[in-house]
């Protein structure tokens, strides 16, 4: 795997009460791997396998864009929705 392959992780929605306890807000963007420490660790636990898969060239058949995937963090009271895209 080439280390120059990066992904963008963007907060696109916060469901339920609409407040992230970590402080993420809709529109926040992060570059992986550089901004790894700025993402909630519980959310990153879910994000990591998808971010790595996209870096390796994976695509997800249920997504409209081939190099993008949308996932939620595990907070059931305020699920933060992240869009992960290859740069």
PDB file of N, CA and C in Angstrom:
ATOM      1  N   UNK A   1       0.842  -1.187   0.000  1.00  0.00           N
ATOM      2  CA  UNK A   1       0.000   0.000   0.000  1.00  0.00           C
ATOM      3  C   UNK A   1       0.876   1.235   0.000  1.00  0.00           C
ATOM      4  N   UNK A   2       0.561   2.150  -0.864  1.00  0.00           N
ATOM      5  CA  UNK A   2       1.292   3.404  -0.926  1.00  0.00           C
ATOM      6  C   UNK A   2       0.850   4.322   0.200  1.00  0.00           C
ATOM      7  N   UNK A   3       1.817   4.890   0.903  1.00  0.00           N
ATOM      8  CA  UNK A   3       1.506   5.772   2.030  1.00  0.00           C
ATOM      9  C   UNK A   3       0.941   7.114   1.593  1.00  0.00           C
ATOM     10  N   UNK A   4       0.970   7.435   0.300  1.00  0.00           N
ATOM     11  CA  UNK A   4       0.439   8.716  -0.140  1.00  0.00           C
ATOM     12  C   UNK A   4      -1.072   8.673  -0.367  1.00  0.00           C
ATOM     13  N   UNK A   5      -1.679   7.509  -0.284  1.00  0.00           N
ATOM     14  CA  UNK A   5      -3.130   7.401  -0.423  1.00  0.00           C
ATOM     15  C   UNK A   5      -3.769   7.851   0.883  1.00  0.00           C
ATOM     16  N   UNK A   6      -4.576   8.904   0.791  1.00  0.00           N
ATOM     17  CA  UNK A   6      -5.207   9.457   1.978  1.00  0.00           C
ATOM     18  C   UNK A   6      -6.706   9.481   1.779  1.00  0.00           C
ATOM     19  N   UNK A   7      -7.421   9.636   2.868  1.00  0.00           N
ATOM     20  CA  UNK A   7      -8.867   9.758   2.802  1.00  0.00           C
ATOM     21  C   UNK A   7      -9.307  11.001   3.571  1.00  0.00           C
ATOM     22  N   UNK A   8     -10.468  11.517   3.161  1.00  0.00           N
ATOM     23  CA  UNK A   8     -11.108  12.603   3.875  1.00  0.00           C
ATOM     24  C   UNK A   8     -12.278  12.014   4.651  1.00  0.00           C
ATOM     25  N   UNK A   9     -12.388  12.404   5.903  1.00  0.00           N
ATOM     26  CA  UNK A   9     -13.475  11.965   6.764  1.00  0.00           C
ATOM     27  C   UNK A   9     -14.262  13.218   7.124  1.00  0.00           C
ATOM     28  N   UNK A  10     -15.542  13.252   6.731  1.00  0.00           N
ATOM     29  CA  UNK A  10     -16.357  14.446   6.941  1.00  0.00           C
ATOM     30  C   UNK A  10     -17.600  14.109   7.758  1.00  0.00           C
ATOM     31  N   UNK A  11     -17.929  14.972   8.714  1.00  0.00           N
ATOM     32  CA  UNK A  11     -19.170  14.825   9.470  1.00  0.00           C
ATOM     33  C   UNK A  11     -20.297  15.390   8.597  1.00  0.00           C
ATOM     34  N   UNK A  12     -21.258  14.540   8.233  1.00  0.00           N
ATOM     35  CA  UNK A  12     -22.337  14.974   7.347  1.00  0.00           C
ATOM     36  C   UNK A  12     -23.688  15.088   8.061  1.00  0.00           C
ATOM     37  N   UNK A  13     -23.815  14.518   9.259  1.00  0.00           N
ATOM     38  CA  UNK A  13     -25.075  14.591   9.996  1.00  0.00           C
ATOM     39  C   UNK A  13     -24.829  14.163  11.434  1.00  0.00           C
ATOM     40  N   UNK A  14     -25.645  14.694  12.335  1.00  0.00           N
ATOM     41  CA  UNK A  14     -25.676  14.213  13.715  1.00  0.00           C
ATOM     42  C   UNK A  14     -27.146  13.970  14.017  1.00  0.00           C
ATOM     43  N   UNK A  15     -27.514  12.719  14.211  1.00  0.00           N
ATOM     44  CA  UNK A  15     -28.913  12.348  14.362  1.00  0.00           C
ATOM     45  C   UNK A  15     -29.376  12.453  15.812  1.00  0.00           C
ATOM     46  N   UNK A  16     -30.642  12.167  16.035  1.00  0.00           N
ATOM     47  CA  UNK A  16     -31.298  12.208  17.342  1.00  0.00           C
ATOM     48  C   UNK A  16     -31.226  13.608  17.939  1.00  0.00           C
ATOM     49  N   UNK A  17     -30.501  13.797  19.047  1.00  0.00           N
ATOM     50  CA  UNK A  17     -30.446  15.104  19.711  1.00  0.00           C
ATOM     51  C   UNK A  17     -29.575  16.108  18.967  1.00  0.00           C
ATOM     52  N   UNK A  18     -28.740  15.633  18.051  1.00  0.00           N
ATOM     53  CA  UNK A  18     -27.951  16.523  17.215  1.00  0.00           C
ATOM     54  C   UNK A  18     -26.712  17.105  17.856  1.00  0.00           C
ATOM     55  N   UNK A  19     -26.268  16.508  18.954  1.00  0.00           N
ATOM     56  CA  UNK A  19     -25.080  17.010  19.643  1.00  0.00           C
ATOM     57  C   UNK A  19     -24.097  15.870  19.870  1.00  0.00           C
ATOM     58  N   UNK A  20     -22.879  16.069  19.425  1.00  0.00           N
ATOM     59  CA  UNK A  20     -21.825  15.081  19.647  1.00  0.00           C
ATOM     60  C   UNK A  20     -21.114  15.412  20.950  1.00  0.00           C
ATOM     61  N   UNK A  21     -21.013  14.457  21.842  1.00  0.00           N
ATOM     62  CA  UNK A  21     -20.348  14.691  23.124  1.00  0.00           C
ATOM     63  C   UNK A  21     -18.863  14.988  22.972  1.00  0.00           C
ATOM     64  N   UNK A  22     -18.268  14.537  21.875  1.00  0.00           N
ATOM     65  CA  UNK A  22     -16.855  14.810  21.627  1.00  0.00           C
ATOM     66  C   UNK A  22     -16.651  16.203  21.050  1.00  0.00           C
ATOM     67  N   UNK A  23     -17.736  16.776  20.494  1.00  0.00           N
ATOM     68  CA  UNK A  23     -17.661  18.115  19.930  1.00  0.00           C
ATOM     69  C   UNK A  23     -17.638  18.185  18.422  1.00  0.00           C
ATOM     70  N   UNK A  24     -17.796  17.043  17.746  1.00  0.00           N
ATOM     71  CA  UNK A  24     -17.862  17.080  16.286  1.00  0.00           C
ATOM     72  C   UNK A  24     -19.101  17.845  15.843  1.00  0.00           C
ATOM     73  N   UNK A  25     -18.969  18.563  14.734  1.00  0.00           N
ATOM     74  CA  UNK A  25     -20.075  19.329  14.167  1.00  0.00           C
ATOM     75  C   UNK A  25     -20.185  19.010  12.678  1.00  0.00           C
ATOM     76  N   UNK A  26     -21.403  19.126  12.132  1.00  0.00           N
ATOM     77  CA  UNK A  26     -21.606  18.911  10.701  1.00  0.00           C
ATOM     78  C   UNK A  26     -20.687  19.854   9.939  1.00  0.00           C
ATOM     79  N   UNK A  27     -19.990  19.307   8.965  1.00  0.00           N
ATOM     80  CA  UNK A  27     -19.045  20.079   8.167  1.00  0.00           C
ATOM     81  C   UNK A  27     -17.595  19.890   8.580  1.00  0.00           C
ATOM     82  N   UNK A  28     -17.350  19.333   9.778  1.00  0.00           N
ATOM     83  CA  UNK A  28     -15.969  19.049  10.188  1.00  0.00           C
ATOM     84  C   UNK A  28     -15.345  18.094   9.183  1.00  0.00           C
ATOM     85  N   UNK A  29     -14.096  18.370   8.811  1.00  0.00           N
ATOM     86  CA  UNK A  29     -13.369  17.497   7.882  1.00  0.00           C
ATOM     87  C   UNK A  29     -12.020  17.138   8.485  1.00  0.00           C
ATOM     88  N   UNK A  30     -11.629  15.916   8.255  1.00  0.00           N
ATOM     89  CA  UNK A  30     -10.357  15.397   8.742  1.00  0.00           C
ATOM     90  C   UNK A  30      -9.667  14.648   7.620  1.00  0.00           C
ATOM     91  N   UNK A  31      -8.355  14.740   7.581  1.00  0.00           N
ATOM     92  CA  UNK A  31      -7.559  13.941   6.652  1.00  0.00           C
ATOM     93  C   UNK A  31      -6.970  12.778   7.433  1.00  0.00           C
ATOM     94  N   UNK A  32      -7.104  11.580   6.866  1.00  0.00           N
ATOM     95  CA  UNK A  32      -6.490  10.421   7.500  1.00  0.00           C
ATOM     96  C   UNK A  32      -5.297  10.008   6.651  1.00  0.00           C
ATOM     97  N   UNK A  33      -4.149   9.845   7.253  1.00  0.00           N
ATOM     98  CA  UNK A  33      -3.912   9.600   8.666  1.00  0.00           C
ATOM     99  C   UNK A  33      -3.529  10.829   9.503  1.00  0.00           C
ATOM    100  N   UNK A  34      -3.304  11.976   8.901  1.00  0.00           N
ATOM    101  CA  UNK A  34      -2.777  13.135   9.637  1.00  0.00           C
ATOM    102  C   UNK A  34      -3.633  13.553  10.837  1.00  0.00           C
ATOM    103  N   UNK A  35      -4.946  13.575  10.690  1.00  0.00           N
ATOM    104  CA  UNK A  35      -5.830  14.093  11.738  1.00  0.00           C
ATOM    105  C   UNK A  35      -6.420  13.015  12.634  1.00  0.00           C
ATOM    106  N   UNK A  36      -5.866  11.834  12.614  1.00  0.00           N
ATOM    107  CA  UNK A  36      -6.394  10.709  13.377  1.00  0.00           C
ATOM    108  C   UNK A  36      -6.684  11.083  14.837  1.00  0.00           C
ATOM    109  N   UNK A  37      -5.817  11.837  15.481  1.00  0.00           N
ATOM    110  CA  UNK A  37      -5.979  12.195  16.886  1.00  0.00           C
ATOM    111  C   UNK A  37      -7.077  13.197  17.157  1.00  0.00           C
ATOM    112  N   UNK A  38      -7.661  13.779  16.120  1.00  0.00           N
ATOM    113  CA  UNK A  38      -8.729  14.765  16.290  1.00  0.00           C
ATOM    114  C   UNK A  38     -10.124  14.160  16.168  1.00  0.00           C
ATOM    115  N   UNK A  39     -10.193  12.858  15.963  1.00  0.00           N
ATOM    116  CA  UNK A  39     -11.473  12.167  15.805  1.00  0.00           C
ATOM    117  C   UNK A  39     -11.749  11.363  17.067  1.00  0.00           C
ATOM    118  N   UNK A  40     -12.991  11.417  17.522  1.00  0.00           N
ATOM    119  CA  UNK A  40     -13.419  10.644  18.692  1.00  0.00           C
ATOM    120  C   UNK A  40     -12.953   9.193  18.548  1.00  0.00           C
ATOM    121  N   UNK A  41     -12.370   8.642  19.599  1.00  0.00           N
ATOM    122  CA  UNK A  41     -11.815   7.294  19.497  1.00  0.00           C
ATOM    123  C   UNK A  41     -12.892   6.236  19.290  1.00  0.00           C
ATOM    124  N   UNK A  42     -14.089   6.418  19.864  1.00  0.00           N
ATOM    125  CA  UNK A  42     -15.174   5.455  19.640  1.00  0.00           C
ATOM    126  C   UNK A  42     -15.610   5.488  18.175  1.00  0.00           C
ATOM    127  N   UNK A  43     -15.714   6.684  17.605  1.00  0.00           N
ATOM    128  CA  UNK A  43     -16.080   6.810  16.195  1.00  0.00           C
ATOM    129  C   UNK A  43     -14.966   6.245  15.320  1.00  0.00           C
ATOM    130  N   UNK A  44     -13.728   6.537  15.668  1.00  0.00           N
ATOM    131  CA  UNK A  44     -12.614   6.071  14.843  1.00  0.00           C
ATOM    132  C   UNK A  44     -12.526   4.548  14.832  1.00  0.00           C
ATOM    133  N   UNK A  45     -12.957   3.926  15.903  1.00  0.00           N
ATOM    134  CA  UNK A  45     -12.973   2.464  15.965  1.00  0.00           C
ATOM    135  C   UNK A  45     -13.834   1.890  14.839  1.00  0.00           C
ATOM    136  N   UNK A  46     -14.916   2.586  14.498  1.00  0.00           N
ATOM    137  CA  UNK A  46     -15.795   2.171  13.406  1.00  0.00           C
ATOM    138  C   UNK A  46     -15.242   2.634  12.057  1.00  0.00           C
ATOM    139  N   UNK A  47     -14.671   3.833  12.023  1.00  0.00           N
ATOM    140  CA  UNK A  47     -14.161   4.428  10.787  1.00  0.00           C
ATOM    141  C   UNK A  47     -12.955   3.670  10.232  1.00  0.00           C
ATOM    142  N   UNK A  48     -12.050   3.249  11.102  1.00  0.00           N
ATOM    143  CA  UNK A  48     -10.755   2.702  10.703  1.00  0.00           C
ATOM    144  C   UNK A  48     -10.823   1.611   9.625  1.00  0.00           C
ATOM    145  N   UNK A  49     -11.650   0.560   9.785  1.00  0.00           N
ATOM    146  CA  UNK A  49     -11.637  -0.484   8.749  1.00  0.00           C
ATOM    147  C   UNK A  49     -12.063   0.035   7.375  1.00  0.00           C
ATOM    148  N   UNK A  50     -13.014   0.969   7.355  1.00  0.00           N
ATOM    149  CA  UNK A  50     -13.469   1.531   6.088  1.00  0.00           C
ATOM    150  C   UNK A  50     -12.413   2.453   5.484  1.00  0.00           C
ATOM    151  N   UNK A  51     -11.770   3.255   6.322  1.00  0.00           N
ATOM    152  CA  UNK A  51     -10.715   4.148   5.844  1.00  0.00           C
ATOM    153  C   UNK A  51      -9.568   3.337   5.242  1.00  0.00           C
ATOM    154  N   UNK A  52      -9.185   2.272   5.919  1.00  0.00           N
ATOM    155  CA  UNK A  52      -8.108   1.432   5.396  1.00  0.00           C
ATOM    156  C   UNK A  52      -8.527   0.735   4.106  1.00  0.00           C
ATOM    157  N   UNK A  53      -9.765   0.266   4.042  1.00  0.00           N
ATOM    158  CA  UNK A  53     -10.240  -0.407   2.830  1.00  0.00           C
ATOM    159  C   UNK A  53     -10.220   0.553   1.641  1.00  0.00           C
ATOM    160  N   UNK A  54     -10.679   1.778   1.859  1.00  0.00           N
ATOM    161  CA  UNK A  54     -10.681   2.766   0.781  1.00  0.00           C
ATOM    162  C   UNK A  54      -9.253   3.098   0.357  1.00  0.00           C
ATOM    163  N   UNK A  55      -8.338   3.200   1.321  1.00  0.00           N
ATOM    164  CA  UNK A  55      -6.931   3.456   0.985  1.00  0.00           C
ATOM    165  C   UNK A  55      -6.363   2.341   0.120  1.00  0.00           C
ATOM    166  N   UNK A  56      -6.863   1.120   0.303  1.00  0.00           N
ATOM    167  CA  UNK A  56      -6.376  -0.042  -0.450  1.00  0.00           C
ATOM    168  C   UNK A  56      -7.109  -0.222  -1.777  1.00  0.00           C
ATOM    169  N   UNK A  57      -8.080   0.676  -2.073  1.00  0.00           N
ATOM    170  CA  UNK A  57      -8.772   0.609  -3.350  1.00  0.00           C
ATOM    171  C   UNK A  57     -10.130  -0.065  -3.325  1.00  0.00           C
ATOM    172  N   UNK A  58     -10.657  -0.352  -2.143  1.00  0.00           N
ATOM    173  CA  UNK A  58     -11.959  -1.008  -2.057  1.00  0.00           C
ATOM    174  C   UNK A  58     -13.078  -0.068  -2.502  1.00  0.00           C
ATOM    175  N   UNK A  59     -14.170  -0.663  -2.911  1.00  0.00           N
ATOM    176  CA  UNK A  59     -15.387   0.099  -3.193  1.00  0.00           C
ATOM    177  C   UNK A  59     -16.533  -0.621  -2.498  1.00  0.00           C
ATOM    178  N   UNK A  60     -17.636   0.075  -2.338  1.00  0.00           N
ATOM    179  CA  UNK A  60     -18.766  -0.453  -1.594  1.00  0.00           C
ATOM    180  C   UNK A  60     -19.996  -0.427  -2.498  1.00  0.00           C
ATOM    181  N   UNK A  61     -20.526  -1.585  -2.866  1.00  0.00           N
ATOM    182  CA  UNK A  61     -21.582  -1.654  -3.865  1.00  0.00           C
ATOM    183  C   UNK A  61     -22.874  -0.938  -3.481  1.00  0.00           C
ATOM    184  N   UNK A  62     -23.099  -0.725  -2.209  1.00  0.00           N
ATOM    185  CA  UNK A  62     -24.314  -0.039  -1.770  1.00  0.00           C
ATOM    186  C   UNK A  62     -24.195   1.483  -1.836  1.00  0.00           C
ATOM    187  N   UNK A  63     -23.018   2.000  -2.140  1.00  0.00           N
ATOM    188  CA  UNK A  63     -22.803   3.447  -2.228  1.00  0.00           C
ATOM    189  C   UNK A  63     -22.914   3.921  -3.672  1.00  0.00           C
ATOM    190  N   UNK A  64     -23.407   5.142  -3.862  1.00  0.00           N
ATOM    191  CA  UNK A  64     -23.530   5.708  -5.201  1.00  0.00           C
ATOM    192  C   UNK A  64     -22.170   6.057  -5.789  1.00  0.00           C
ATOM    193  N   UNK A  65     -21.246   6.529  -4.950  1.00  0.00           N
ATOM    194  CA  UNK A  65     -19.902   6.872  -5.401  1.00  0.00           C
ATOM    195  C   UNK A  65     -18.964   5.736  -5.006  1.00  0.00           C
ATOM    196  N   UNK A  66     -18.174   5.251  -5.943  1.00  0.00           N
ATOM    197  CA  UNK A  66     -17.395   4.036  -5.710  1.00  0.00           C
ATOM    198  C   UNK A  66     -16.297   4.183  -4.657  1.00  0.00           C
ATOM    199  N   UNK A  67     -15.726   5.345  -4.486  1.00  0.00           N
ATOM    200  CA  UNK A  67     -14.642   5.504  -3.510  1.00  0.00           C
ATOM    201  C   UNK A  67     -15.097   6.281  -2.284  1.00  0.00           C
ATOM    202  N   UNK A  68     -16.348   6.059  -1.892  1.00  0.00           N
ATOM    203  CA  UNK A  68     -16.940   6.734  -0.746  1.00  0.00           C
ATOM    204  C   UNK A  68     -17.761   5.735   0.052  1.00  0.00           C
ATOM    205  N   UNK A  69     -17.787   5.915   1.369  1.00  0.00           N
ATOM    206  CA  UNK A  69     -18.670   5.117   2.223  1.00  0.00           C
ATOM    207  C   UNK A  69     -19.160   6.022   3.355  1.00  0.00           C
ATOM    208  N   UNK A  70     -20.396   5.822   3.767  1.00  0.00           N
ATOM    209  CA  UNK A  70     -20.994   6.598   4.849  1.00  0.00           C
ATOM    210  C   UNK A  70     -21.295   5.656   6.001  1.00  0.00           C
ATOM    211  N   UNK A  71     -20.838   6.028   7.202  1.00  0.00           N
ATOM    212  CA  UNK A  71     -21.025   5.177   8.377  1.00  0.00           C
ATOM    213  C   UNK A  71     -21.411   6.049   9.574  1.00  0.00           C
ATOM    214  N   UNK A  72     -21.892   5.409  10.643  1.00  0.00           N
ATOM    215  CA  UNK A  72     -22.269   6.107  11.881  1.00  0.00           C
ATOM    216  C   UNK A  72     -21.368   5.676  13.025  1.00  0.00           C
ATOM    217  N   UNK A  73     -21.175   6.592  13.959  1.00  0.00           N
ATOM    218  CA  UNK A  73     -20.457   6.240  15.177  1.00  0.00           C
ATOM    219  C   UNK A  73     -21.381   5.403  16.069  1.00  0.00           C
ATOM    220  N   UNK A  74     -20.866   4.782  17.112  1.00  0.00           N
ATOM    221  CA  UNK A  74     -21.678   3.891  17.937  1.00  0.00           C
ATOM    222  C   UNK A  74     -22.529   4.578  19.009  1.00  0.00           C
ATOM    223  N   UNK A  75     -22.546   5.897  19.092  1.00  0.00           N
ATOM    224  CA  UNK A  75     -23.346   6.588  20.110  1.00  0.00           C
ATOM    225  C   UNK A  75     -24.820   6.505  19.721  1.00  0.00           C
ATOM    226  N   UNK A  76     -25.576   5.668  20.385  1.00  0.00           N
ATOM    227  CA  UNK A  76     -26.973   5.461  20.007  1.00  0.00           C
ATOM    228  C   UNK A  76     -27.870   6.653  20.308  1.00  0.00           C
ATOM    229  N   UNK A  77     -27.443   7.550  21.193  1.00  0.00           N
ATOM    230  CA  UNK A  77     -28.251   8.732  21.507  1.00  0.00           C
ATOM    231  C   UNK A  77     -27.994   9.879  20.540  1.00  0.00           C
ATOM    232  N   UNK A  78     -26.808   9.949  19.983  1.00  0.00           N
ATOM    233  CA  UNK A  78     -26.421  11.017  19.062  1.00  0.00           C
ATOM    234  C   UNK A  78     -25.517  10.457  17.973  1.00  0.00           C
ATOM    235  N   UNK A  79     -26.020   9.586  17.105  1.00  0.00           N
ATOM    236  CA  UNK A  79     -25.141   8.996  16.092  1.00  0.00           C
ATOM    237  C   UNK A  79     -24.593  10.063  15.127  1.00  0.00           C
ATOM    238  N   UNK A  80     -23.285  10.140  15.072  1.00  0.00           N
ATOM    239  CA  UNK A  80     -22.620  11.047  14.147  1.00  0.00           C
ATOM    240  C   UNK A  80     -22.387  10.272  12.859  1.00  0.00           C
ATOM    241  N   UNK A  81     -22.790  10.869  11.737  1.00  0.00           N
ATOM    242  CA  UNK A  81     -22.661  10.220  10.438  1.00  0.00           C
ATOM    243  C   UNK A  81     -21.429  10.794   9.746  1.00  0.00           C
ATOM    244  N   UNK A  82     -20.517   9.903   9.361  1.00  0.00           N
ATOM    245  CA  UNK A  82     -19.278  10.280   8.708  1.00  0.00           C
ATOM    246  C   UNK A  82     -19.281   9.790   7.272  1.00  0.00           C
ATOM    247  N   UNK A  83     -18.789  10.623   6.368  1.00  0.00           N
ATOM    248  CA  UNK A  83     -18.585  10.241   4.964  1.00  0.00           C
ATOM    249  C   UNK A  83     -17.080  10.121   4.763  1.00  0.00           C
ATOM    250  N   UNK A  84     -16.650   8.963   4.293  1.00  0.00           N
ATOM    251  CA  UNK A  84     -15.232   8.678   4.090  1.00  0.00           C
ATOM    252  C   UNK A  84     -14.983   8.591   2.589  1.00  0.00           C
ATOM    253  N   UNK A  85     -14.052   9.402   2.108  1.00  0.00           N
ATOM    254  CA  UNK A  85     -13.784   9.498   0.674  1.00  0.00           C
ATOM    255  C   UNK A  85     -12.290   9.451   0.410  1.00  0.00           C
ATOM    256  N   UNK A  86     -11.866   8.734  -0.637  1.00  0.00           N
ATOM    257  CA  UNK A  86     -10.451   8.739  -1.024  1.00  0.00           C
ATOM    258  C   UNK A  86     -10.122  10.079  -1.663  1.00  0.00           C
ATOM    259  N   UNK A  87      -8.988  10.667  -1.247  1.00  0.00           N
ATOM    260  CA  UNK A  87      -8.544  11.959  -1.814  1.00  0.00           C
ATOM    261  C   UNK A  87      -7.898  11.735  -3.160  1.00  0.00           C
TER     262      UNK A  87
END
